[in-house]
All heavy atoms as atom14 arrays in JSON, in Angstrom:
{
  "sequence": "AIMTKFVHDEVAAGRCAAPAPVDGKTSIKVDMVVLVSAANGEAVKIV",
  "atom14_mask": [
    [1, 1, 1, 1, 1, 0, 0, 0, 0, 0, 0, 0, 0, 0],
    [1, 1, 1, 1, 1, 1, 1, 1, 0, 0, 0, 0, 0, 0],
    [1, 1, 1, 1, 1, 1, 1, 1, 0, 0, 0, 0, 0, 0],
    [1, 1, 1, 1, 1, 1, 1, 0, 0, 0, 0, 0, 0, 0],
    [1, 1, 1, 1, 1, 1, 1, 1, 1, 0, 0, 0, 0, 0],
    [1, 1, 1, 1, 1, 1, 1, 1, 1, 1, 1, 0, 0, 0],
    [1, 1, 1, 1, 1, 1, 1, 0, 0, 0, 0, 0, 0, 0],
    [1, 1, 1, 1, 1, 1, 1, 1, 1, 1, 0, 0, 0, 0],
    [1, 1, 1, 1, 1, 1, 1, 1, 0, 0, 0, 0, 0, 0],
    [1, 1, 1, 1, 1, 1, 1, 1, 1, 0, 0, 0, 0, 0],
    [1, 1, 1, 1, 1, 1, 1, 0, 0, 0, 0, 0, 0, 0],
    [1, 1, 1, 1, 1, 0, 0, 0, 0, 0, 0, 0, 0, 0],
    [1, 1, 1, 1, 1, 0, 0, 0, 0, 0, 0, 0, 0, 0],
    [1, 1, 1, 1, 0, 0, 0, 0, 0, 0, 0, 0, 0, 0],
    [1, 1, 1, 1, 1, 1, 1, 1, 1, 1, 1, 0, 0, 0],
    [1, 1, 1, 1, 1, 1, 0, 0, 0, 0, 0, 0, 0, 0],
    [1, 1, 1, 1, 1, 0, 0, 0, 0, 0, 0, 0, 0, 0],
    [1, 1, 1, 1, 1, 0, 0, 0, 0, 0, 0, 0, 0, 0],
    [1, 1, 1, 1, 1, 1, 1, 0, 0, 0, 0, 0, 0, 0],
    [1, 1, 1, 1, 1, 0, 0, 0, 0, 0, 0, 0, 0, 0],
    [1, 1, 1, 1, 1, 1, 1, 0, 0, 0, 0, 0, 0, 0],
    [1, 1, 1, 1, 1, 1, 1, 0, 0, 0, 0, 0, 0, 0],
    [1, 1, 1, 1, 1, 1, 1, 1, 0, 0, 0, 0, 0, 0],
    [1, 1, 1, 1, 0, 0, 0, 0, 0, 0, 0, 0, 0, 0],
    [1, 1, 1, 1, 1, 1, 1, 1, 1, 0, 0, 0, 0, 0],
    [1, 1, 1, 1, 1, 1, 1, 0, 0, 0, 0, 0, 0, 0],
    [1, 1, 1, 1, 1, 1, 0, 0, 0, 0, 0, 0, 0, 0],
    [1, 1, 1, 1, 1, 1, 1, 1, 0, 0, 0, 0, 0, 0],
    [1, 1, 1, 1, 1, 1, 1, 1, 1, 0, 0, 0, 0, 0],
    [1, 1, 1, 1, 1, 1, 1, 0, 0, 0, 0, 0, 0, 0],
    [1, 1, 1, 1, 1, 1, 1, 1, 0, 0, 0, 0, 0, 0],
    [1, 1, 1, 1, 1, 1, 1, 1, 0, 0, 0, 0, 0, 0],
    [1, 1, 1, 1, 1, 1, 1, 0, 0, 0, 0, 0, 0, 0],
    [1, 1, 1, 1, 1, 1, 1, 0, 0, 0, 0, 0, 0, 0],
    [1, 1, 1, 1, 1, 1, 1, 1, 0, 0, 0, 0, 0, 0],
    [1, 1, 1, 1, 1, 1, 1, 0, 0, 0, 0, 0, 0, 0],
    [1, 1, 1, 1, 1, 1, 0, 0, 0, 0, 0, 0, 0, 0],
    [1, 1, 1, 1, 1, 0, 0, 0, 0, 0, 0, 0, 0, 0],
    [1, 1, 1, 1, 1, 0, 0, 0, 0, 0, 0, 0, 0, 0],
    [1, 1, 1, 1, 1, 1, 1, 1, 0, 0, 0, 0, 0, 0],
    [1, 1, 1, 1, 0, 0, 0, 0, 0, 0, 0, 0, 0, 0],
    [1, 1, 1, 1, 1, 1, 1, 1, 1, 0, 0, 0, 0, 0],
    [1, 1, 1, 1, 1, 0, 0, 0, 0, 0, 0, 0, 0, 0],
    [1, 1, 1, 1, 1, 1, 1, 0, 0, 0, 0, 0, 0, 0],
    [1, 1, 1, 1, 1, 1, 1, 1, 1, 0, 0, 0, 0, 0],
    [1, 1, 1, 1, 1, 1, 1, 1, 0, 0, 0, 0, 0, 0],
    [1, 1, 1, 1, 1, 1, 1, 0, 0, 0, 0, 0, 0, 0]
  ],
  "atom14_positions": [
    [[0.86, -1.18, 0.0], [-0.02, 0.04, 0.0], [0.87, 1.28, 0.04], [0.51, 2.31, -0.63], [-0.89, 0.02, 1.22], [0.0, 0.0, 0.0], [0.0, 0.0, 0.0], [0.0, 0.0, 0.0], [0.0, 0.0, 0.0], [0.0, 0.0, 0.0], [0.0, 0.0, 0.0], [0.0, 0.0, 0.0], [0.0, 0.0, 0.0], [0.0, 0.0, 0.0]],
    [[2.02, 1.13, 0.71], [2.86, 2.36, 0.78], [3.68, 2.6, -0.53], [3.8, 3.72, -0.95], [3.83, 2.14, 1.86], [3.11, 2.09, 3.27], [4.88, 3.3, 1.99], [3.89, 1.58, 4.43], [0.0, 0.0, 0.0], [0.0, 0.0, 0.0], [0.0, 0.0, 0.0], [0.0, 0.0, 0.0], [0.0, 0.0, 0.0], [0.0, 0.0, 0.0]],
    [[4.12, 1.5, -1.12], [5.14, 1.67, -2.21], [4.72, 1.37, -3.64], [5.32, 1.81, -4.57], [6.3, 0.68, -1.84], [6.98, 1.08, -0.51], [8.31, -0.14, -0.19], [9.36, 0.12, -1.61], [0.0, 0.0, 0.0], [0.0, 0.0, 0.0], [0.0, 0.0, 0.0], [0.0, 0.0, 0.0], [0.0, 0.0, 0.0], [0.0, 0.0, 0.0]],
    [[3.7, 0.55, -3.86], [3.4, 0.03, -5.19], [3.24, 1.14, -6.19], [3.75, 1.03, -7.35], [2.18, -0.92, -5.13], [2.52, -1.96, -4.3], [1.85, -1.52, -6.58], [0.0, 0.0, 0.0], [0.0, 0.0, 0.0], [0.0, 0.0, 0.0], [0.0, 0.0, 0.0], [0.0, 0.0, 0.0], [0.0, 0.0, 0.0], [0.0, 0.0, 0.0]],
    [[2.43, 2.14, -5.95], [2.14, 3.23, -6.86], [3.46, 3.85, -7.27], [3.74, 4.11, -8.46], [1.23, 4.26, -6.39], [0.98, 5.37, -7.42], [-0.01, 6.25, -7.01], [-0.43, 7.45, -7.97], [0.5, 7.6, -9.14], [0.0, 0.0, 0.0], [0.0, 0.0, 0.0], [0.0, 0.0, 0.0], [0.0, 0.0, 0.0], [0.0, 0.0, 0.0]],
    [[4.32, 4.26, -6.31], [5.58, 4.91, -6.7], [6.5, 3.96, -7.5], [7.05, 4.36, -8.5], [6.37, 5.26, -5.3], [7.68, 5.71, -5.6], [7.89, 7.07, -5.97], [8.87, 4.91, -5.49], [9.17, 7.58, -6.16], [10.18, 5.4, -5.72], [10.33, 6.78, -6.1], [0.0, 0.0, 0.0], [0.0, 0.0, 0.0], [0.0, 0.0, 0.0]],
    [[6.58, 2.69, -7.19], [7.41, 1.75, -7.92], [6.89, 1.61, -9.31], [7.59, 1.7, -10.35], [7.59, 0.41, -7.21], [8.32, -0.57, -8.09], [8.29, 0.62, -5.91], [0.0, 0.0, 0.0], [0.0, 0.0, 0.0], [0.0, 0.0, 0.0], [0.0, 0.0, 0.0], [0.0, 0.0, 0.0], [0.0, 0.0, 0.0], [0.0, 0.0, 0.0]],
    [[5.52, 1.39, -9.47], [4.93, 1.24, -10.75], [5.17, 2.56, -11.57], [5.54, 2.38, -12.79], [3.39, 1.11, -10.6], [2.67, 1.14, -11.82], [2.15, 2.36, -12.41], [2.32, 0.23, -12.7], [1.48, 2.1, -13.53], [1.66, 0.82, -13.77], [0.0, 0.0, 0.0], [0.0, 0.0, 0.0], [0.0, 0.0, 0.0], [0.0, 0.0, 0.0]],
    [[5.06, 3.65, -11.04], [5.25, 4.97, -11.83], [6.76, 5.13, -12.26], [7.04, 5.51, -13.35], [4.87, 6.12, -10.99], [3.35, 6.23, -10.8], [2.63, 5.37, -11.42], [2.89, 7.05, -9.97], [0.0, 0.0, 0.0], [0.0, 0.0, 0.0], [0.0, 0.0, 0.0], [0.0, 0.0, 0.0], [0.0, 0.0, 0.0], [0.0, 0.0, 0.0]],
    [[7.66, 4.63, -11.4], [9.11, 4.64, -11.81], [9.35, 3.73, -12.99], [10.07, 4.14, -13.88], [10.0, 4.31, -10.62], [10.01, 5.38, -9.46], [10.59, 6.64, -9.91], [11.79, 6.8, -10.2], [9.87, 7.68, -10.01], [0.0, 0.0, 0.0], [0.0, 0.0, 0.0], [0.0, 0.0, 0.0], [0.0, 0.0, 0.0], [0.0, 0.0, 0.0]],
    [[8.78, 2.55, -12.88], [8.99, 1.57, -14.07], [8.3, 2.18, -15.32], [8.87, 2.15, -16.37], [8.45, 0.22, -13.64], [8.4, -0.71, -14.86], [9.28, -0.42, -12.58], [0.0, 0.0, 0.0], [0.0, 0.0, 0.0], [0.0, 0.0, 0.0], [0.0, 0.0, 0.0], [0.0, 0.0, 0.0], [0.0, 0.0, 0.0], [0.0, 0.0, 0.0]],
    [[7.1, 2.62, -15.17], [6.31, 3.16, -16.37], [7.0, 4.4, -16.93], [6.96, 4.56, -18.2], [4.89, 3.57, -15.84], [0.0, 0.0, 0.0], [0.0, 0.0, 0.0], [0.0, 0.0, 0.0], [0.0, 0.0, 0.0], [0.0, 0.0, 0.0], [0.0, 0.0, 0.0], [0.0, 0.0, 0.0], [0.0, 0.0, 0.0], [0.0, 0.0, 0.0]],
    [[7.74, 5.13, -16.17], [8.45, 6.35, -16.7], [9.73, 5.96, -17.27], [10.44, 6.85, -17.79], [8.63, 7.4, -15.59], [0.0, 0.0, 0.0], [0.0, 0.0, 0.0], [0.0, 0.0, 0.0], [0.0, 0.0, 0.0], [0.0, 0.0, 0.0], [0.0, 0.0, 0.0], [0.0, 0.0, 0.0], [0.0, 0.0, 0.0], [0.0, 0.0, 0.0]],
    [[10.19, 4.73, -17.15], [11.45, 4.27, -17.72], [12.66, 4.59, -16.83], [13.68, 4.51, -17.39], [0.0, 0.0, 0.0], [0.0, 0.0, 0.0], [0.0, 0.0, 0.0], [0.0, 0.0, 0.0], [0.0, 0.0, 0.0], [0.0, 0.0, 0.0], [0.0, 0.0, 0.0], [0.0, 0.0, 0.0], [0.0, 0.0, 0.0], [0.0, 0.0, 0.0]],
    [[12.48, 4.96, -15.67], [13.55, 5.17, -14.75], [14.09, 3.95, -14.13], [15.2, 4.01, -13.47], [13.15, 6.21, -13.69], [12.96, 7.64, -14.18], [12.72, 8.67, -13.11], [11.3, 8.6, -12.6], [10.28, 9.19, -13.09], [10.46, 10.02, -14.16], [9.16, 9.07, -12.61], [0.0, 0.0, 0.0], [0.0, 0.0, 0.0], [0.0, 0.0, 0.0]],
    [[13.45, 2.87, -14.38], [13.85, 1.59, -13.83], [13.74, 0.51, -14.96], [12.93, 0.67, -15.78], [13.01, 1.09, -12.68], [12.96, 2.12, -11.3], [0.0, 0.0, 0.0], [0.0, 0.0, 0.0], [0.0, 0.0, 0.0], [0.0, 0.0, 0.0], [0.0, 0.0, 0.0], [0.0, 0.0, 0.0], [0.0, 0.0, 0.0], [0.0, 0.0, 0.0]],
    [[14.66, -0.52, -14.84], [14.49, -1.57, -15.78], [13.27, -2.33, -15.43], [13.08, -2.76, -14.35], [15.7, -2.49, -15.73], [0.0, 0.0, 0.0], [0.0, 0.0, 0.0], [0.0, 0.0, 0.0], [0.0, 0.0, 0.0], [0.0, 0.0, 0.0], [0.0, 0.0, 0.0], [0.0, 0.0, 0.0], [0.0, 0.0, 0.0], [0.0, 0.0, 0.0]],
    [[12.37, -2.54, -16.45], [11.17, -3.27, -16.21], [11.32, -4.74, -16.19], [11.87, -5.33, -17.15], [10.13, -2.89, -17.29], [0.0, 0.0, 0.0], [0.0, 0.0, 0.0], [0.0, 0.0, 0.0], [0.0, 0.0, 0.0], [0.0, 0.0, 0.0], [0.0, 0.0, 0.0], [0.0, 0.0, 0.0], [0.0, 0.0, 0.0], [0.0, 0.0, 0.0]],
    [[11.12, -5.41, -15.07], [11.27, -6.81, -15.08], [10.18, -7.53, -16.03], [9.12, -6.89, -16.31], [10.93, -7.2, -13.6], [10.25, -6.06, -13.09], [10.6, -4.91, -13.82], [0.0, 0.0, 0.0], [0.0, 0.0, 0.0], [0.0, 0.0, 0.0], [0.0, 0.0, 0.0], [0.0, 0.0, 0.0], [0.0, 0.0, 0.0], [0.0, 0.0, 0.0]],
    [[10.52, -8.68, -16.52], [9.56, -9.39, -17.36], [8.32, -9.81, -16.53], [8.51, -10.42, -15.5], [10.21, -10.64, -17.96], [0.0, 0.0, 0.0], [0.0, 0.0, 0.0], [0.0, 0.0, 0.0], [0.0, 0.0, 0.0], [0.0, 0.0, 0.0], [0.0, 0.0, 0.0], [0.0, 0.0, 0.0], [0.0, 0.0, 0.0], [0.0, 0.0, 0.0]],
    [[7.26, -9.54, -17.06], [5.98, -9.96, -16.35], [5.85, -11.41, -16.27], [6.22, -12.11, -17.27], [4.8, -9.33, -17.19], [5.43, -8.31, -18.04], [6.89, -8.77, -18.25], [0.0, 0.0, 0.0], [0.0, 0.0, 0.0], [0.0, 0.0, 0.0], [0.0, 0.0, 0.0], [0.0, 0.0, 0.0], [0.0, 0.0, 0.0], [0.0, 0.0, 0.0]],
    [[5.21, -11.93, -15.2], [4.98, -13.37, -15.07], [3.47, -13.47, -14.85], [2.91, -12.82, -13.87], [5.78, -13.99, -13.83], [5.3, -15.42, -13.64], [7.21, -13.83, -14.03], [0.0, 0.0, 0.0], [0.0, 0.0, 0.0], [0.0, 0.0, 0.0], [0.0, 0.0, 0.0], [0.0, 0.0, 0.0], [0.0, 0.0, 0.0], [0.0, 0.0, 0.0]],
    [[2.82, -14.24, -15.63], [1.33, -14.38, -15.62], [0.64, -13.05, -15.64], [-0.33, -12.76, -14.97], [0.9, -15.17, -14.43], [1.47, -16.57, -14.36], [1.5, -17.17, -15.51], [1.65, -17.09, -13.29], [0.0, 0.0, 0.0], [0.0, 0.0, 0.0], [0.0, 0.0, 0.0], [0.0, 0.0, 0.0], [0.0, 0.0, 0.0], [0.0, 0.0, 0.0]],
    [[1.22, -12.1, -16.44], [0.61, -10.8, -16.6], [0.9, -9.76, -15.47], [0.48, -8.7, -15.51], [0.0, 0.0, 0.0], [0.0, 0.0, 0.0], [0.0, 0.0, 0.0], [0.0, 0.0, 0.0], [0.0, 0.0, 0.0], [0.0, 0.0, 0.0], [0.0, 0.0, 0.0], [0.0, 0.0, 0.0], [0.0, 0.0, 0.0], [0.0, 0.0, 0.0]],
    [[1.59, -10.25, -14.47], [1.88, -9.33, -13.34], [3.39, -8.99, -13.36], [4.21, -9.81, -13.67], [1.57, -10.05, -11.96], [-0.01, -10.23, -11.92], [-0.34, -10.73, -10.49], [-1.83, -10.96, -10.46], [-2.5, -10.16, -9.55], [0.0, 0.0, 0.0], [0.0, 0.0, 0.0], [0.0, 0.0, 0.0], [0.0, 0.0, 0.0], [0.0, 0.0, 0.0]],
    [[3.63, -7.82, -12.91], [5.0, -7.28, -12.68], [5.33, -7.41, -11.26], [4.63, -7.04, -10.43], [5.25, -5.84, -13.24], [4.82, -5.88, -14.65], [6.59, -5.4, -13.16], [0.0, 0.0, 0.0], [0.0, 0.0, 0.0], [0.0, 0.0, 0.0], [0.0, 0.0, 0.0], [0.0, 0.0, 0.0], [0.0, 0.0, 0.0], [0.0, 0.0, 0.0]],
    [[6.63, -7.78, -10.98], [7.03, -7.95, -9.61], [8.51, -7.4, -9.41], [9.4, -7.73, -10.28], [6.98, -9.33, -9.15], [7.39, -9.59, -7.83], [0.0, 0.0, 0.0], [0.0, 0.0, 0.0], [0.0, 0.0, 0.0], [0.0, 0.0, 0.0], [0.0, 0.0, 0.0], [0.0, 0.0, 0.0], [0.0, 0.0, 0.0], [0.0, 0.0, 0.0]],
    [[8.7, -6.67, -8.43], [10.0, -6.13, -8.04], [10.28, -6.47, -6.61], [9.57, -6.25, -5.82], [10.16, -4.64, -8.33], [10.15, -4.35, -9.82], [11.45, -4.11, -7.72], [10.37, -2.89, -10.18], [0.0, 0.0, 0.0], [0.0, 0.0, 0.0], [0.0, 0.0, 0.0], [0.0, 0.0, 0.0], [0.0, 0.0, 0.0], [0.0, 0.0, 0.0]],
    [[11.57, -7.02, -6.42], [11.98, -7.38, -5.07], [13.22, -6.54, -4.67], [14.11, -6.45, -5.47], [12.22, -8.79, -4.9], [12.71, -9.12, -3.45], [12.88, -10.6, -3.25], [13.26, -10.89, -1.83], [13.47, -12.26, -1.55], [0.0, 0.0, 0.0], [0.0, 0.0, 0.0], [0.0, 0.0, 0.0], [0.0, 0.0, 0.0], [0.0, 0.0, 0.0]],
    [[13.18, -5.84, -3.58], [14.35, -5.1, -3.07], [14.83, -5.8, -1.74], [14.19, -5.7, -0.77], [14.0, -3.59, -2.78], [15.25, -2.88, -2.38], [13.4, -2.94, -4.01], [0.0, 0.0, 0.0], [0.0, 0.0, 0.0], [0.0, 0.0, 0.0], [0.0, 0.0, 0.0], [0.0, 0.0, 0.0], [0.0, 0.0, 0.0], [0.0, 0.0, 0.0]],
    [[15.96, -6.51, -1.85], [16.64, -7.09, -0.69], [17.42, -5.97, 0.02], [17.98, -5.08, -0.69], [17.51, -8.22, -1.0], [16.8, -9.51, -1.33], [15.87, -9.76, -0.59], [17.07, -10.22, -2.3], [0.0, 0.0, 0.0], [0.0, 0.0, 0.0], [0.0, 0.0, 0.0], [0.0, 0.0, 0.0], [0.0, 0.0, 0.0], [0.0, 0.0, 0.0]],
    [[17.5, -6.08, 1.35], [18.31, -5.1, 2.08], [19.02, -5.81, 3.31], [18.51, -6.89, 3.73], [17.4, -3.98, 2.66], [16.83, -3.09, 1.67], [15.46, -2.12, 2.38], [14.1, -2.92, 1.6], [0.0, 0.0, 0.0], [0.0, 0.0, 0.0], [0.0, 0.0, 0.0], [0.0, 0.0, 0.0], [0.0, 0.0, 0.0], [0.0, 0.0, 0.0]],
    [[20.04, -5.14, 3.77], [20.61, -5.55, 5.01], [20.51, -4.34, 5.92], [20.61, -3.19, 5.55], [22.06, -6.1, 4.91], [22.1, -7.41, 4.3], [22.93, -5.09, 4.23], [0.0, 0.0, 0.0], [0.0, 0.0, 0.0], [0.0, 0.0, 0.0], [0.0, 0.0, 0.0], [0.0, 0.0, 0.0], [0.0, 0.0, 0.0], [0.0, 0.0, 0.0]],
    [[20.34, -4.62, 7.25], [20.02, -3.65, 8.22], [20.94, -3.89, 9.45], [21.07, -4.94, 9.89], [18.54, -3.71, 8.7], [18.31, -2.69, 9.82], [17.6, -3.54, 7.56], [0.0, 0.0, 0.0], [0.0, 0.0, 0.0], [0.0, 0.0, 0.0], [0.0, 0.0, 0.0], [0.0, 0.0, 0.0], [0.0, 0.0, 0.0], [0.0, 0.0, 0.0]],
    [[21.75, -2.81, 9.81], [22.61, -2.91, 10.88], [21.87, -2.38, 12.15], [21.33, -1.25, 12.11], [23.9, -2.06, 10.66], [24.89, -1.99, 11.82], [25.52, -3.32, 12.04], [26.03, -1.05, 11.44], [0.0, 0.0, 0.0], [0.0, 0.0, 0.0], [0.0, 0.0, 0.0], [0.0, 0.0, 0.0], [0.0, 0.0, 0.0], [0.0, 0.0, 0.0]],
    [[21.66, -3.24, 13.11], [20.97, -2.95, 14.37], [21.95, -2.7, 15.44], [22.81, -3.51, 15.73], [19.96, -4.03, 14.67], [19.28, -3.8, 16.06], [18.89, -4.2, 13.61], [0.0, 0.0, 0.0], [0.0, 0.0, 0.0], [0.0, 0.0, 0.0], [0.0, 0.0, 0.0], [0.0, 0.0, 0.0], [0.0, 0.0, 0.0], [0.0, 0.0, 0.0]],
    [[21.76, -1.58, 16.15], [22.7, -1.18, 17.3], [22.35, -2.03, 18.59], [21.18, -2.11, 18.93], [22.49, 0.29, 17.55], [23.04, 0.7, 18.73], [0.0, 0.0, 0.0], [0.0, 0.0, 0.0], [0.0, 0.0, 0.0], [0.0, 0.0, 0.0], [0.0, 0.0, 0.0], [0.0, 0.0, 0.0], [0.0, 0.0, 0.0], [0.0, 0.0, 0.0]],
    [[23.55, -2.43, 19.15], [23.4, -3.13, 20.53], [23.0, -2.09, 21.52], [22.37, -2.41, 22.49], [24.65, -3.78, 20.85], [0.0, 0.0, 0.0], [0.0, 0.0, 0.0], [0.0, 0.0, 0.0], [0.0, 0.0, 0.0], [0.0, 0.0, 0.0], [0.0, 0.0, 0.0], [0.0, 0.0, 0.0], [0.0, 0.0, 0.0], [0.0, 0.0, 0.0]],
    [[23.36, -0.82, 21.33], [23.14, 0.24, 22.36], [21.69, 0.48, 22.54], [21.2, 0.7, 23.69], [23.89, 1.48, 22.02], [0.0, 0.0, 0.0], [0.0, 0.0, 0.0], [0.0, 0.0, 0.0], [0.0, 0.0, 0.0], [0.0, 0.0, 0.0], [0.0, 0.0, 0.0], [0.0, 0.0, 0.0], [0.0, 0.0, 0.0], [0.0, 0.0, 0.0]],
    [[20.89, 0.52, 21.48], [19.48, 0.93, 21.54], [18.53, 0.08, 20.8], [17.34, 0.34, 20.87], [19.29, 2.4, 21.18], [19.69, 2.69, 19.76], [19.94, 1.75, 19.06], [19.87, 3.94, 19.56], [0.0, 0.0, 0.0], [0.0, 0.0, 0.0], [0.0, 0.0, 0.0], [0.0, 0.0, 0.0], [0.0, 0.0, 0.0], [0.0, 0.0, 0.0]],
    [[19.02, -0.92, 20.1], [18.16, -1.81, 19.37], [17.51, -1.22, 18.06], [16.55, -1.65, 17.64], [0.0, 0.0, 0.0], [0.0, 0.0, 0.0], [0.0, 0.0, 0.0], [0.0, 0.0, 0.0], [0.0, 0.0, 0.0], [0.0, 0.0, 0.0], [0.0, 0.0, 0.0], [0.0, 0.0, 0.0], [0.0, 0.0, 0.0], [0.0, 0.0, 0.0]],
    [[18.11, -0.07, 17.71], [17.5, 0.59, 16.48], [18.38, 0.3, 15.23], [19.54, 0.06, 15.36], [17.46, 2.11, 16.76], [16.48, 2.55, 17.75], [15.0, 2.35, 17.42], [14.71, 2.4, 16.19], [14.23, 2.09, 18.32], [0.0, 0.0, 0.0], [0.0, 0.0, 0.0], [0.0, 0.0, 0.0], [0.0, 0.0, 0.0], [0.0, 0.0, 0.0]],
    [[17.72, 0.49, 14.11], [18.44, 0.35, 12.83], [19.27, 1.56, 12.6], [18.79, 2.7, 12.67], [17.31, 0.2, 11.69], [0.0, 0.0, 0.0], [0.0, 0.0, 0.0], [0.0, 0.0, 0.0], [0.0, 0.0, 0.0], [0.0, 0.0, 0.0], [0.0, 0.0, 0.0], [0.0, 0.0, 0.0], [0.0, 0.0, 0.0], [0.0, 0.0, 0.0]],
    [[20.6, 1.36, 12.42], [21.46, 2.54, 12.32], [22.01, 2.57, 10.84], [22.58, 3.69, 10.44], [22.65, 2.43, 13.28], [22.09, 2.61, 14.66], [23.42, 1.22, 13.2], [0.0, 0.0, 0.0], [0.0, 0.0, 0.0], [0.0, 0.0, 0.0], [0.0, 0.0, 0.0], [0.0, 0.0, 0.0], [0.0, 0.0, 0.0], [0.0, 0.0, 0.0]],
    [[21.87, 1.54, 10.07], [22.26, 1.59, 8.68], [21.47, 0.62, 7.87], [21.19, -0.53, 8.31], [23.77, 1.25, 8.62], [24.41, 1.41, 7.29], [25.87, 1.18, 7.37], [26.64, 1.51, 6.05], [28.08, 1.4, 6.14], [0.0, 0.0, 0.0], [0.0, 0.0, 0.0], [0.0, 0.0, 0.0], [0.0, 0.0, 0.0], [0.0, 0.0, 0.0]],
    [[21.0, 0.99, 6.62], [20.3, 0.14, 5.71], [20.97, 0.21, 4.38], [21.07, 1.32, 3.89], [18.79, 0.54, 5.78], [18.11, 0.34, 7.1], [18.06, -0.31, 4.7], [16.78, 0.74, 7.14], [0.0, 0.0, 0.0], [0.0, 0.0, 0.0], [0.0, 0.0, 0.0], [0.0, 0.0, 0.0], [0.0, 0.0, 0.0], [0.0, 0.0, 0.0]],
    [[21.25, -0.92, 3.79], [21.83, -1.02, 2.49], [20.99, -1.88, 1.57], [20.91, -3.04, 1.78], [23.23, -1.53, 2.57], [23.9, -1.62, 1.17], [24.1, -0.76, 3.6], [0.0, 0.0, 0.0], [0.0, 0.0, 0.0], [0.0, 0.0, 0.0], [0.0, 0.0, 0.0], [0.0, 0.0, 0.0], [0.0, 0.0, 0.0], [0.0, 0.0, 0.0]]
  ]
}
């Protein structure tokens, strides 16, 4: 709900490589790593 419109618009505008649709649907996955601080349990870096 938060991201799909933005991602769809980026792909439609040609700012992203469009993945090949599967069964008529387009799917994009963004993997990330998150560094969590021992001091406060918060995310301090996301890549």
